[in-house]
Structures are given as structure tokens and as C-alpha cells.
Amino acid sequence: SGREVTPAWAVGGLLVPLYNLYWI
């Protein structure tokens, strides 16, 4: 879809409660 993903946020998003259910 064109969304940029940084390596740091690829990991960081997995550590955010609830949001990680989408981010995984």
C-alpha cells in the first residue's frame, strides 16, 4: 500500500499493547 516501515518501528509496534494485534 506504500506505507513506509522502519526497522525500529517494525519491532516497536509489536510491543505496544492492543496495537500489536493489528501490527503483527
PDBML (XML) file of the C-alpha atoms, coordinates in Angstrom:
<?xml version="1.0" encoding="UTF-8" ?>
<PDBx:datablock datablockName="MODEL"
   xmlns:PDBx="http://pdbml.pdb.org/schema/pdbx-v50.xsd"
   xmlns:xsi="http://www.w3.org/2001/XMLSchema-instance"
   xsi:schemaLocation="http://pdbml.pdb.org/schema/pdbx-v50.xsd pdbx-v50.xsd">
   <PDBx:atom_siteCategory>
      <PDBx:atom_site id="1">
         <PDBx:B_iso_or_equiv>0.00</PDBx:B_iso_or_equiv>
         <PDBx:Cartn_x>0.000</PDBx:Cartn_x>
         <PDBx:Cartn_y>0.000</PDBx:Cartn_y>
         <PDBx:Cartn_z>0.000</PDBx:Cartn_z>
         <PDBx:auth_asym_id>A</PDBx:auth_asym_id>
         <PDBx:auth_atom_id>CA</PDBx:auth_atom_id>
         <PDBx:auth_comp_id>SER</PDBx:auth_comp_id>
         <PDBx:auth_seq_id>1</PDBx:auth_seq_id>
         <PDBx:group_PDB>ATOM</PDBx:group_PDB>
         <PDBx:label_alt_id xsi:nil="true" />
         <PDBx:label_asym_id>A</PDBx:label_asym_id>
         <PDBx:label_atom_id>CA</PDBx:label_atom_id>
         <PDBx:label_comp_id>SER</PDBx:label_comp_id>
         <PDBx:label_entity_id>1</PDBx:label_entity_id>
         <PDBx:label_seq_id>1</PDBx:label_seq_id>
         <PDBx:occupancy>1.00</PDBx:occupancy>
         <PDBx:pdbx_PDB_model_num>1</PDBx:pdbx_PDB_model_num>
         <PDBx:type_symbol>C</PDBx:type_symbol>
      </PDBx:atom_site>
      <PDBx:atom_site id="2">
         <PDBx:B_iso_or_equiv>0.00</PDBx:B_iso_or_equiv>
         <PDBx:Cartn_x>3.061</PDBx:Cartn_x>
         <PDBx:Cartn_y>2.256</PDBx:Cartn_y>
         <PDBx:Cartn_z>0.060</PDBx:Cartn_z>
         <PDBx:auth_asym_id>A</PDBx:auth_asym_id>
         <PDBx:auth_atom_id>CA</PDBx:auth_atom_id>
         <PDBx:auth_comp_id>GLY</PDBx:auth_comp_id>
         <PDBx:auth_seq_id>2</PDBx:auth_seq_id>
         <PDBx:group_PDB>ATOM</PDBx:group_PDB>
         <PDBx:label_alt_id xsi:nil="true" />
         <PDBx:label_asym_id>A</PDBx:label_asym_id>
         <PDBx:label_atom_id>CA</PDBx:label_atom_id>
         <PDBx:label_comp_id>GLY</PDBx:label_comp_id>
         <PDBx:label_entity_id>1</PDBx:label_entity_id>
         <PDBx:label_seq_id>2</PDBx:label_seq_id>
         <PDBx:occupancy>1.00</PDBx:occupancy>
         <PDBx:pdbx_PDB_model_num>1</PDBx:pdbx_PDB_model_num>
         <PDBx:type_symbol>C</PDBx:type_symbol>
      </PDBx:atom_site>
      <PDBx:atom_site id="3">
         <PDBx:B_iso_or_equiv>0.00</PDBx:B_iso_or_equiv>
         <PDBx:Cartn_x>3.383</PDBx:Cartn_x>
         <PDBx:Cartn_y>2.532</PDBx:Cartn_y>
         <PDBx:Cartn_z>3.836</PDBx:Cartn_z>
         <PDBx:auth_asym_id>A</PDBx:auth_asym_id>
         <PDBx:auth_atom_id>CA</PDBx:auth_atom_id>
         <PDBx:auth_comp_id>ARG</PDBx:auth_comp_id>
         <PDBx:auth_seq_id>3</PDBx:auth_seq_id>
         <PDBx:group_PDB>ATOM</PDBx:group_PDB>
         <PDBx:label_alt_id xsi:nil="true" />
         <PDBx:label_asym_id>A</PDBx:label_asym_id>
         <PDBx:label_atom_id>CA</PDBx:label_atom_id>
         <PDBx:label_comp_id>ARG</PDBx:label_comp_id>
         <PDBx:label_entity_id>1</PDBx:label_entity_id>
         <PDBx:label_seq_id>3</PDBx:label_seq_id>
         <PDBx:occupancy>1.00</PDBx:occupancy>
         <PDBx:pdbx_PDB_model_num>1</PDBx:pdbx_PDB_model_num>
         <PDBx:type_symbol>C</PDBx:type_symbol>
      </PDBx:atom_site>
      <PDBx:atom_site id="4">
         <PDBx:B_iso_or_equiv>0.00</PDBx:B_iso_or_equiv>
         <PDBx:Cartn_x>6.990</PDBx:Cartn_x>
         <PDBx:Cartn_y>3.059</PDBx:Cartn_y>
         <PDBx:Cartn_z>4.895</PDBx:Cartn_z>
         <PDBx:auth_asym_id>A</PDBx:auth_asym_id>
         <PDBx:auth_atom_id>CA</PDBx:auth_atom_id>
         <PDBx:auth_comp_id>GLU</PDBx:auth_comp_id>
         <PDBx:auth_seq_id>4</PDBx:auth_seq_id>
         <PDBx:group_PDB>ATOM</PDBx:group_PDB>
         <PDBx:label_alt_id xsi:nil="true" />
         <PDBx:label_asym_id>A</PDBx:label_asym_id>
         <PDBx:label_atom_id>CA</PDBx:label_atom_id>
         <PDBx:label_comp_id>GLU</PDBx:label_comp_id>
         <PDBx:label_entity_id>1</PDBx:label_entity_id>
         <PDBx:label_seq_id>4</PDBx:label_seq_id>
         <PDBx:occupancy>1.00</PDBx:occupancy>
         <PDBx:pdbx_PDB_model_num>1</PDBx:pdbx_PDB_model_num>
         <PDBx:type_symbol>C</PDBx:type_symbol>
      </PDBx:atom_site>
      <PDBx:atom_site id="5">
         <PDBx:B_iso_or_equiv>0.00</PDBx:B_iso_or_equiv>
         <PDBx:Cartn_x>8.238</PDBx:Cartn_x>
         <PDBx:Cartn_y>0.767</PDBx:Cartn_y>
         <PDBx:Cartn_z>7.665</PDBx:Cartn_z>
         <PDBx:auth_asym_id>A</PDBx:auth_asym_id>
         <PDBx:auth_atom_id>CA</PDBx:auth_atom_id>
         <PDBx:auth_comp_id>VAL</PDBx:auth_comp_id>
         <PDBx:auth_seq_id>5</PDBx:auth_seq_id>
         <PDBx:group_PDB>ATOM</PDBx:group_PDB>
         <PDBx:label_alt_id xsi:nil="true" />
         <PDBx:label_asym_id>A</PDBx:label_asym_id>
         <PDBx:label_atom_id>CA</PDBx:label_atom_id>
         <PDBx:label_comp_id>VAL</PDBx:label_comp_id>
         <PDBx:label_entity_id>1</PDBx:label_entity_id>
         <PDBx:label_seq_id>5</PDBx:label_seq_id>
         <PDBx:occupancy>1.00</PDBx:occupancy>
         <PDBx:pdbx_PDB_model_num>1</PDBx:pdbx_PDB_model_num>
         <PDBx:type_symbol>C</PDBx:type_symbol>
      </PDBx:atom_site>
      <PDBx:atom_site id="6">
         <PDBx:B_iso_or_equiv>0.00</PDBx:B_iso_or_equiv>
         <PDBx:Cartn_x>11.442</PDBx:Cartn_x>
         <PDBx:Cartn_y>1.454</PDBx:Cartn_y>
         <PDBx:Cartn_z>9.551</PDBx:Cartn_z>
         <PDBx:auth_asym_id>A</PDBx:auth_asym_id>
         <PDBx:auth_atom_id>CA</PDBx:auth_atom_id>
         <PDBx:auth_comp_id>THR</PDBx:auth_comp_id>
         <PDBx:auth_seq_id>6</PDBx:auth_seq_id>
         <PDBx:group_PDB>ATOM</PDBx:group_PDB>
         <PDBx:label_alt_id xsi:nil="true" />
         <PDBx:label_asym_id>A</PDBx:label_asym_id>
         <PDBx:label_atom_id>CA</PDBx:label_atom_id>
         <PDBx:label_comp_id>THR</PDBx:label_comp_id>
         <PDBx:label_entity_id>1</PDBx:label_entity_id>
         <PDBx:label_seq_id>6</PDBx:label_seq_id>
         <PDBx:occupancy>1.00</PDBx:occupancy>
         <PDBx:pdbx_PDB_model_num>1</PDBx:pdbx_PDB_model_num>
         <PDBx:type_symbol>C</PDBx:type_symbol>
      </PDBx:atom_site>
      <PDBx:atom_site id="7">
         <PDBx:B_iso_or_equiv>0.00</PDBx:B_iso_or_equiv>
         <PDBx:Cartn_x>13.268</PDBx:Cartn_x>
         <PDBx:Cartn_y>-1.464</PDBx:Cartn_y>
         <PDBx:Cartn_z>11.192</PDBx:Cartn_z>
         <PDBx:auth_asym_id>A</PDBx:auth_asym_id>
         <PDBx:auth_atom_id>CA</PDBx:auth_atom_id>
         <PDBx:auth_comp_id>PRO</PDBx:auth_comp_id>
         <PDBx:auth_seq_id>7</PDBx:auth_seq_id>
         <PDBx:group_PDB>ATOM</PDBx:group_PDB>
         <PDBx:label_alt_id xsi:nil="true" />
         <PDBx:label_asym_id>A</PDBx:label_asym_id>
         <PDBx:label_atom_id>CA</PDBx:label_atom_id>
         <PDBx:label_comp_id>PRO</PDBx:label_comp_id>
         <PDBx:label_entity_id>1</PDBx:label_entity_id>
         <PDBx:label_seq_id>7</PDBx:label_seq_id>
         <PDBx:occupancy>1.00</PDBx:occupancy>
         <PDBx:pdbx_PDB_model_num>1</PDBx:pdbx_PDB_model_num>
         <PDBx:type_symbol>C</PDBx:type_symbol>
      </PDBx:atom_site>
      <PDBx:atom_site id="8">
         <PDBx:B_iso_or_equiv>0.00</PDBx:B_iso_or_equiv>
         <PDBx:Cartn_x>12.849</PDBx:Cartn_x>
         <PDBx:Cartn_y>0.178</PDBx:Cartn_y>
         <PDBx:Cartn_z>14.601</PDBx:Cartn_z>
         <PDBx:auth_asym_id>A</PDBx:auth_asym_id>
         <PDBx:auth_atom_id>CA</PDBx:auth_atom_id>
         <PDBx:auth_comp_id>ALA</PDBx:auth_comp_id>
         <PDBx:auth_seq_id>8</PDBx:auth_seq_id>
         <PDBx:group_PDB>ATOM</PDBx:group_PDB>
         <PDBx:label_alt_id xsi:nil="true" />
         <PDBx:label_asym_id>A</PDBx:label_asym_id>
         <PDBx:label_atom_id>CA</PDBx:label_atom_id>
         <PDBx:label_comp_id>ALA</PDBx:label_comp_id>
         <PDBx:label_entity_id>1</PDBx:label_entity_id>
         <PDBx:label_seq_id>8</PDBx:label_seq_id>
         <PDBx:occupancy>1.00</PDBx:occupancy>
         <PDBx:pdbx_PDB_model_num>1</PDBx:pdbx_PDB_model_num>
         <PDBx:type_symbol>C</PDBx:type_symbol>
      </PDBx:atom_site>
      <PDBx:atom_site id="9">
         <PDBx:B_iso_or_equiv>0.00</PDBx:B_iso_or_equiv>
         <PDBx:Cartn_x>9.098</PDBx:Cartn_x>
         <PDBx:Cartn_y>0.596</PDBx:Cartn_y>
         <PDBx:Cartn_z>14.249</PDBx:Cartn_z>
         <PDBx:auth_asym_id>A</PDBx:auth_asym_id>
         <PDBx:auth_atom_id>CA</PDBx:auth_atom_id>
         <PDBx:auth_comp_id>TRP</PDBx:auth_comp_id>
         <PDBx:auth_seq_id>9</PDBx:auth_seq_id>
         <PDBx:group_PDB>ATOM</PDBx:group_PDB>
         <PDBx:label_alt_id xsi:nil="true" />
         <PDBx:label_asym_id>A</PDBx:label_asym_id>
         <PDBx:label_atom_id>CA</PDBx:label_atom_id>
         <PDBx:label_comp_id>TRP</PDBx:label_comp_id>
         <PDBx:label_entity_id>1</PDBx:label_entity_id>
         <PDBx:label_seq_id>9</PDBx:label_seq_id>
         <PDBx:occupancy>1.00</PDBx:occupancy>
         <PDBx:pdbx_PDB_model_num>1</PDBx:pdbx_PDB_model_num>
         <PDBx:type_symbol>C</PDBx:type_symbol>
      </PDBx:atom_site>
      <PDBx:atom_site id="10">
         <PDBx:B_iso_or_equiv>0.00</PDBx:B_iso_or_equiv>
         <PDBx:Cartn_x>8.728</PDBx:Cartn_x>
         <PDBx:Cartn_y>-2.905</PDBx:Cartn_y>
         <PDBx:Cartn_z>12.817</PDBx:Cartn_z>
         <PDBx:auth_asym_id>A</PDBx:auth_asym_id>
         <PDBx:auth_atom_id>CA</PDBx:auth_atom_id>
         <PDBx:auth_comp_id>ALA</PDBx:auth_comp_id>
         <PDBx:auth_seq_id>10</PDBx:auth_seq_id>
         <PDBx:group_PDB>ATOM</PDBx:group_PDB>
         <PDBx:label_alt_id xsi:nil="true" />
         <PDBx:label_asym_id>A</PDBx:label_asym_id>
         <PDBx:label_atom_id>CA</PDBx:label_atom_id>
         <PDBx:label_comp_id>ALA</PDBx:label_comp_id>
         <PDBx:label_entity_id>1</PDBx:label_entity_id>
         <PDBx:label_seq_id>10</PDBx:label_seq_id>
         <PDBx:occupancy>1.00</PDBx:occupancy>
         <PDBx:pdbx_PDB_model_num>1</PDBx:pdbx_PDB_model_num>
         <PDBx:type_symbol>C</PDBx:type_symbol>
      </PDBx:atom_site>
      <PDBx:atom_site id="11">
         <PDBx:B_iso_or_equiv>0.00</PDBx:B_iso_or_equiv>
         <PDBx:Cartn_x>9.812</PDBx:Cartn_x>
         <PDBx:Cartn_y>-4.106</PDBx:Cartn_y>
         <PDBx:Cartn_z>16.267</PDBx:Cartn_z>
         <PDBx:auth_asym_id>A</PDBx:auth_asym_id>
         <PDBx:auth_atom_id>CA</PDBx:auth_atom_id>
         <PDBx:auth_comp_id>VAL</PDBx:auth_comp_id>
         <PDBx:auth_seq_id>11</PDBx:auth_seq_id>
         <PDBx:group_PDB>ATOM</PDBx:group_PDB>
         <PDBx:label_alt_id xsi:nil="true" />
         <PDBx:label_asym_id>A</PDBx:label_asym_id>
         <PDBx:label_atom_id>CA</PDBx:label_atom_id>
         <PDBx:label_comp_id>VAL</PDBx:label_comp_id>
         <PDBx:label_entity_id>1</PDBx:label_entity_id>
         <PDBx:label_seq_id>11</PDBx:label_seq_id>
         <PDBx:occupancy>1.00</PDBx:occupancy>
         <PDBx:pdbx_PDB_model_num>1</PDBx:pdbx_PDB_model_num>
         <PDBx:type_symbol>C</PDBx:type_symbol>
      </PDBx:atom_site>
      <PDBx:atom_site id="12">
         <PDBx:B_iso_or_equiv>0.00</PDBx:B_iso_or_equiv>
         <PDBx:Cartn_x>8.402</PDBx:Cartn_x>
         <PDBx:Cartn_y>-1.243</PDBx:Cartn_y>
         <PDBx:Cartn_z>18.336</PDBx:Cartn_z>
         <PDBx:auth_asym_id>A</PDBx:auth_asym_id>
         <PDBx:auth_atom_id>CA</PDBx:auth_atom_id>
         <PDBx:auth_comp_id>GLY</PDBx:auth_comp_id>
         <PDBx:auth_seq_id>12</PDBx:auth_seq_id>
         <PDBx:group_PDB>ATOM</PDBx:group_PDB>
         <PDBx:label_alt_id xsi:nil="true" />
         <PDBx:label_asym_id>A</PDBx:label_asym_id>
         <PDBx:label_atom_id>CA</PDBx:label_atom_id>
         <PDBx:label_comp_id>GLY</PDBx:label_comp_id>
         <PDBx:label_entity_id>1</PDBx:label_entity_id>
         <PDBx:label_seq_id>12</PDBx:label_seq_id>
         <PDBx:occupancy>1.00</PDBx:occupancy>
         <PDBx:pdbx_PDB_model_num>1</PDBx:pdbx_PDB_model_num>
         <PDBx:type_symbol>C</PDBx:type_symbol>
      </PDBx:atom_site>
      <PDBx:atom_site id="13">
         <PDBx:B_iso_or_equiv>0.00</PDBx:B_iso_or_equiv>
         <PDBx:Cartn_x>4.873</PDBx:Cartn_x>
         <PDBx:Cartn_y>-1.713</PDBx:Cartn_y>
         <PDBx:Cartn_z>17.030</PDBx:Cartn_z>
         <PDBx:auth_asym_id>A</PDBx:auth_asym_id>
         <PDBx:auth_atom_id>CA</PDBx:auth_atom_id>
         <PDBx:auth_comp_id>GLY</PDBx:auth_comp_id>
         <PDBx:auth_seq_id>13</PDBx:auth_seq_id>
         <PDBx:group_PDB>ATOM</PDBx:group_PDB>
         <PDBx:label_alt_id xsi:nil="true" />
         <PDBx:label_asym_id>A</PDBx:label_asym_id>
         <PDBx:label_atom_id>CA</PDBx:label_atom_id>
         <PDBx:label_comp_id>GLY</PDBx:label_comp_id>
         <PDBx:label_entity_id>1</PDBx:label_entity_id>
         <PDBx:label_seq_id>13</PDBx:label_seq_id>
         <PDBx:occupancy>1.00</PDBx:occupancy>
         <PDBx:pdbx_PDB_model_num>1</PDBx:pdbx_PDB_model_num>
         <PDBx:type_symbol>C</PDBx:type_symbol>
      </PDBx:atom_site>
      <PDBx:atom_site id="14">
         <PDBx:B_iso_or_equiv>0.00</PDBx:B_iso_or_equiv>
         <PDBx:Cartn_x>4.886</PDBx:Cartn_x>
         <PDBx:Cartn_y>-5.292</PDBx:Cartn_y>
         <PDBx:Cartn_z>18.276</PDBx:Cartn_z>
         <PDBx:auth_asym_id>A</PDBx:auth_asym_id>
         <PDBx:auth_atom_id>CA</PDBx:auth_atom_id>
         <PDBx:auth_comp_id>LEU</PDBx:auth_comp_id>
         <PDBx:auth_seq_id>14</PDBx:auth_seq_id>
         <PDBx:group_PDB>ATOM</PDBx:group_PDB>
         <PDBx:label_alt_id xsi:nil="true" />
         <PDBx:label_asym_id>A</PDBx:label_asym_id>
         <PDBx:label_atom_id>CA</PDBx:label_atom_id>
         <PDBx:label_comp_id>LEU</PDBx:label_comp_id>
         <PDBx:label_entity_id>1</PDBx:label_entity_id>
         <PDBx:label_seq_id>14</PDBx:label_seq_id>
         <PDBx:occupancy>1.00</PDBx:occupancy>
         <PDBx:pdbx_PDB_model_num>1</PDBx:pdbx_PDB_model_num>
         <PDBx:type_symbol>C</PDBx:type_symbol>
      </PDBx:atom_site>
      <PDBx:atom_site id="15">
         <PDBx:B_iso_or_equiv>0.00</PDBx:B_iso_or_equiv>
         <PDBx:Cartn_x>5.486</PDBx:Cartn_x>
         <PDBx:Cartn_y>-4.059</PDBx:Cartn_y>
         <PDBx:Cartn_z>21.843</PDBx:Cartn_z>
         <PDBx:auth_asym_id>A</PDBx:auth_asym_id>
         <PDBx:auth_atom_id>CA</PDBx:auth_atom_id>
         <PDBx:auth_comp_id>LEU</PDBx:auth_comp_id>
         <PDBx:auth_seq_id>15</PDBx:auth_seq_id>
         <PDBx:group_PDB>ATOM</PDBx:group_PDB>
         <PDBx:label_alt_id xsi:nil="true" />
         <PDBx:label_asym_id>A</PDBx:label_asym_id>
         <PDBx:label_atom_id>CA</PDBx:label_atom_id>
         <PDBx:label_comp_id>LEU</PDBx:label_comp_id>
         <PDBx:label_entity_id>1</PDBx:label_entity_id>
         <PDBx:label_seq_id>15</PDBx:label_seq_id>
         <PDBx:occupancy>1.00</PDBx:occupancy>
         <PDBx:pdbx_PDB_model_num>1</PDBx:pdbx_PDB_model_num>
         <PDBx:type_symbol>C</PDBx:type_symbol>
      </PDBx:atom_site>
      <PDBx:atom_site id="16">
         <PDBx:B_iso_or_equiv>0.00</PDBx:B_iso_or_equiv>
         <PDBx:Cartn_x>2.503</PDBx:Cartn_x>
         <PDBx:Cartn_y>-1.678</PDBx:Cartn_y>
         <PDBx:Cartn_z>22.001</PDBx:Cartn_z>
         <PDBx:auth_asym_id>A</PDBx:auth_asym_id>
         <PDBx:auth_atom_id>CA</PDBx:auth_atom_id>
         <PDBx:auth_comp_id>VAL</PDBx:auth_comp_id>
         <PDBx:auth_seq_id>16</PDBx:auth_seq_id>
         <PDBx:group_PDB>ATOM</PDBx:group_PDB>
         <PDBx:label_alt_id xsi:nil="true" />
         <PDBx:label_asym_id>A</PDBx:label_asym_id>
         <PDBx:label_atom_id>CA</PDBx:label_atom_id>
         <PDBx:label_comp_id>VAL</PDBx:label_comp_id>
         <PDBx:label_entity_id>1</PDBx:label_entity_id>
         <PDBx:label_seq_id>16</PDBx:label_seq_id>
         <PDBx:occupancy>1.00</PDBx:occupancy>
         <PDBx:pdbx_PDB_model_num>1</PDBx:pdbx_PDB_model_num>
         <PDBx:type_symbol>C</PDBx:type_symbol>
      </PDBx:atom_site>
      <PDBx:atom_site id="17">
         <PDBx:B_iso_or_equiv>0.00</PDBx:B_iso_or_equiv>
         <PDBx:Cartn_x>-0.480</PDBx:Cartn_x>
         <PDBx:Cartn_y>-3.315</PDBx:Cartn_y>
         <PDBx:Cartn_z>23.769</PDBx:Cartn_z>
         <PDBx:auth_asym_id>A</PDBx:auth_asym_id>
         <PDBx:auth_atom_id>CA</PDBx:auth_atom_id>
         <PDBx:auth_comp_id>PRO</PDBx:auth_comp_id>
         <PDBx:auth_seq_id>17</PDBx:auth_seq_id>
         <PDBx:group_PDB>ATOM</PDBx:group_PDB>
         <PDBx:label_alt_id xsi:nil="true" />
         <PDBx:label_asym_id>A</PDBx:label_asym_id>
         <PDBx:label_atom_id>CA</PDBx:label_atom_id>
         <PDBx:label_comp_id>PRO</PDBx:label_comp_id>
         <PDBx:label_entity_id>1</PDBx:label_entity_id>
         <PDBx:label_seq_id>17</PDBx:label_seq_id>
         <PDBx:occupancy>1.00</PDBx:occupancy>
         <PDBx:pdbx_PDB_model_num>1</PDBx:pdbx_PDB_model_num>
         <PDBx:type_symbol>C</PDBx:type_symbol>
      </PDBx:atom_site>
      <PDBx:atom_site id="18">
         <PDBx:B_iso_or_equiv>0.00</PDBx:B_iso_or_equiv>
         <PDBx:Cartn_x>-3.613</PDBx:Cartn_x>
         <PDBx:Cartn_y>-3.780</PDBx:Cartn_y>
         <PDBx:Cartn_z>21.635</PDBx:Cartn_z>
         <PDBx:auth_asym_id>A</PDBx:auth_asym_id>
         <PDBx:auth_atom_id>CA</PDBx:auth_atom_id>
         <PDBx:auth_comp_id>LEU</PDBx:auth_comp_id>
         <PDBx:auth_seq_id>18</PDBx:auth_seq_id>
         <PDBx:group_PDB>ATOM</PDBx:group_PDB>
         <PDBx:label_alt_id xsi:nil="true" />
         <PDBx:label_asym_id>A</PDBx:label_asym_id>
         <PDBx:label_atom_id>CA</PDBx:label_atom_id>
         <PDBx:label_comp_id>LEU</PDBx:label_comp_id>
         <PDBx:label_entity_id>1</PDBx:label_entity_id>
         <PDBx:label_seq_id>18</PDBx:label_seq_id>
         <PDBx:occupancy>1.00</PDBx:occupancy>
         <PDBx:pdbx_PDB_model_num>1</PDBx:pdbx_PDB_model_num>
         <PDBx:type_symbol>C</PDBx:type_symbol>
      </PDBx:atom_site>
      <PDBx:atom_site id="19">
         <PDBx:B_iso_or_equiv>0.00</PDBx:B_iso_or_equiv>
         <PDBx:Cartn_x>-1.992</PDBx:Cartn_x>
         <PDBx:Cartn_y>-2.047</PDBx:Cartn_y>
         <PDBx:Cartn_z>18.668</PDBx:Cartn_z>
         <PDBx:auth_asym_id>A</PDBx:auth_asym_id>
         <PDBx:auth_atom_id>CA</PDBx:auth_atom_id>
         <PDBx:auth_comp_id>TYR</PDBx:auth_comp_id>
         <PDBx:auth_seq_id>19</PDBx:auth_seq_id>
         <PDBx:group_PDB>ATOM</PDBx:group_PDB>
         <PDBx:label_alt_id xsi:nil="true" />
         <PDBx:label_asym_id>A</PDBx:label_asym_id>
         <PDBx:label_atom_id>CA</PDBx:label_atom_id>
         <PDBx:label_comp_id>TYR</PDBx:label_comp_id>
         <PDBx:label_entity_id>1</PDBx:label_entity_id>
         <PDBx:label_seq_id>19</PDBx:label_seq_id>
         <PDBx:occupancy>1.00</PDBx:occupancy>
         <PDBx:pdbx_PDB_model_num>1</PDBx:pdbx_PDB_model_num>
         <PDBx:type_symbol>C</PDBx:type_symbol>
      </PDBx:atom_site>
      <PDBx:atom_site id="20">
         <PDBx:B_iso_or_equiv>0.00</PDBx:B_iso_or_equiv>
         <PDBx:Cartn_x>0.248</PDBx:Cartn_x>
         <PDBx:Cartn_y>-5.083</PDBx:Cartn_y>
         <PDBx:Cartn_z>18.309</PDBx:Cartn_z>
         <PDBx:auth_asym_id>A</PDBx:auth_asym_id>
         <PDBx:auth_atom_id>CA</PDBx:auth_atom_id>
         <PDBx:auth_comp_id>ASN</PDBx:auth_comp_id>
         <PDBx:auth_seq_id>20</PDBx:auth_seq_id>
         <PDBx:group_PDB>ATOM</PDBx:group_PDB>
         <PDBx:label_alt_id xsi:nil="true" />
         <PDBx:label_asym_id>A</PDBx:label_asym_id>
         <PDBx:label_atom_id>CA</PDBx:label_atom_id>
         <PDBx:label_comp_id>ASN</PDBx:label_comp_id>
         <PDBx:label_entity_id>1</PDBx:label_entity_id>
         <PDBx:label_seq_id>20</PDBx:label_seq_id>
         <PDBx:occupancy>1.00</PDBx:occupancy>
         <PDBx:pdbx_PDB_model_num>1</PDBx:pdbx_PDB_model_num>
         <PDBx:type_symbol>C</PDBx:type_symbol>
      </PDBx:atom_site>
      <PDBx:atom_site id="21">
         <PDBx:B_iso_or_equiv>0.00</PDBx:B_iso_or_equiv>
         <PDBx:Cartn_x>-2.835</PDBx:Cartn_x>
         <PDBx:Cartn_y>-7.194</PDBx:Cartn_y>
         <PDBx:Cartn_z>17.468</PDBx:Cartn_z>
         <PDBx:auth_asym_id>A</PDBx:auth_asym_id>
         <PDBx:auth_atom_id>CA</PDBx:auth_atom_id>
         <PDBx:auth_comp_id>LEU</PDBx:auth_comp_id>
         <PDBx:auth_seq_id>21</PDBx:auth_seq_id>
         <PDBx:group_PDB>ATOM</PDBx:group_PDB>
         <PDBx:label_alt_id xsi:nil="true" />
         <PDBx:label_asym_id>A</PDBx:label_asym_id>
         <PDBx:label_atom_id>CA</PDBx:label_atom_id>
         <PDBx:label_comp_id>LEU</PDBx:label_comp_id>
         <PDBx:label_entity_id>1</PDBx:label_entity_id>
         <PDBx:label_seq_id>21</PDBx:label_seq_id>
         <PDBx:occupancy>1.00</PDBx:occupancy>
         <PDBx:pdbx_PDB_model_num>1</PDBx:pdbx_PDB_model_num>
         <PDBx:type_symbol>C</PDBx:type_symbol>
      </PDBx:atom_site>
      <PDBx:atom_site id="22">
         <PDBx:B_iso_or_equiv>0.00</PDBx:B_iso_or_equiv>
         <PDBx:Cartn_x>-3.044</PDBx:Cartn_x>
         <PDBx:Cartn_y>-5.202</PDBx:Cartn_y>
         <PDBx:Cartn_z>14.235</PDBx:Cartn_z>
         <PDBx:auth_asym_id>A</PDBx:auth_asym_id>
         <PDBx:auth_atom_id>CA</PDBx:auth_atom_id>
         <PDBx:auth_comp_id>TYR</PDBx:auth_comp_id>
         <PDBx:auth_seq_id>22</PDBx:auth_seq_id>
         <PDBx:group_PDB>ATOM</PDBx:group_PDB>
         <PDBx:label_alt_id xsi:nil="true" />
         <PDBx:label_asym_id>A</PDBx:label_asym_id>
         <PDBx:label_atom_id>CA</PDBx:label_atom_id>
         <PDBx:label_comp_id>TYR</PDBx:label_comp_id>
         <PDBx:label_entity_id>1</PDBx:label_entity_id>
         <PDBx:label_seq_id>22</PDBx:label_seq_id>
         <PDBx:occupancy>1.00</PDBx:occupancy>
         <PDBx:pdbx_PDB_model_num>1</PDBx:pdbx_PDB_model_num>
         <PDBx:type_symbol>C</PDBx:type_symbol>
      </PDBx:atom_site>
      <PDBx:atom_site id="23">
         <PDBx:B_iso_or_equiv>0.00</PDBx:B_iso_or_equiv>
         <PDBx:Cartn_x>0.668</PDBx:Cartn_x>
         <PDBx:Cartn_y>-4.636</PDBx:Cartn_y>
         <PDBx:Cartn_z>13.746</PDBx:Cartn_z>
         <PDBx:auth_asym_id>A</PDBx:auth_asym_id>
         <PDBx:auth_atom_id>CA</PDBx:auth_atom_id>
         <PDBx:auth_comp_id>TRP</PDBx:auth_comp_id>
         <PDBx:auth_seq_id>23</PDBx:auth_seq_id>
         <PDBx:group_PDB>ATOM</PDBx:group_PDB>
         <PDBx:label_alt_id xsi:nil="true" />
         <PDBx:label_asym_id>A</PDBx:label_asym_id>
         <PDBx:label_atom_id>CA</PDBx:label_atom_id>
         <PDBx:label_comp_id>TRP</PDBx:label_comp_id>
         <PDBx:label_entity_id>1</PDBx:label_entity_id>
         <PDBx:label_seq_id>23</PDBx:label_seq_id>
         <PDBx:occupancy>1.00</PDBx:occupancy>
         <PDBx:pdbx_PDB_model_num>1</PDBx:pdbx_PDB_model_num>
         <PDBx:type_symbol>C</PDBx:type_symbol>
      </PDBx:atom_site>
      <PDBx:atom_site id="24">
         <PDBx:B_iso_or_equiv>0.00</PDBx:B_iso_or_equiv>
         <PDBx:Cartn_x>1.585</PDBx:Cartn_x>
         <PDBx:Cartn_y>-8.307</PDBx:Cartn_y>
         <PDBx:Cartn_z>13.842</PDBx:Cartn_z>
         <PDBx:auth_asym_id>A</PDBx:auth_asym_id>
         <PDBx:auth_atom_id>CA</PDBx:auth_atom_id>
         <PDBx:auth_comp_id>ILE</PDBx:auth_comp_id>
         <PDBx:auth_seq_id>24</PDBx:auth_seq_id>
         <PDBx:group_PDB>ATOM</PDBx:group_PDB>
         <PDBx:label_alt_id xsi:nil="true" />
         <PDBx:label_asym_id>A</PDBx:label_asym_id>
         <PDBx:label_atom_id>CA</PDBx:label_atom_id>
         <PDBx:label_comp_id>ILE</PDBx:label_comp_id>
         <PDBx:label_entity_id>1</PDBx:label_entity_id>
         <PDBx:label_seq_id>24</PDBx:label_seq_id>
         <PDBx:occupancy>1.00</PDBx:occupancy>
         <PDBx:pdbx_PDB_model_num>1</PDBx:pdbx_PDB_model_num>
         <PDBx:type_symbol>C</PDBx:type_symbol>
      </PDBx:atom_site>
   </PDBx:atom_siteCategory>
</PDBx:datablock>
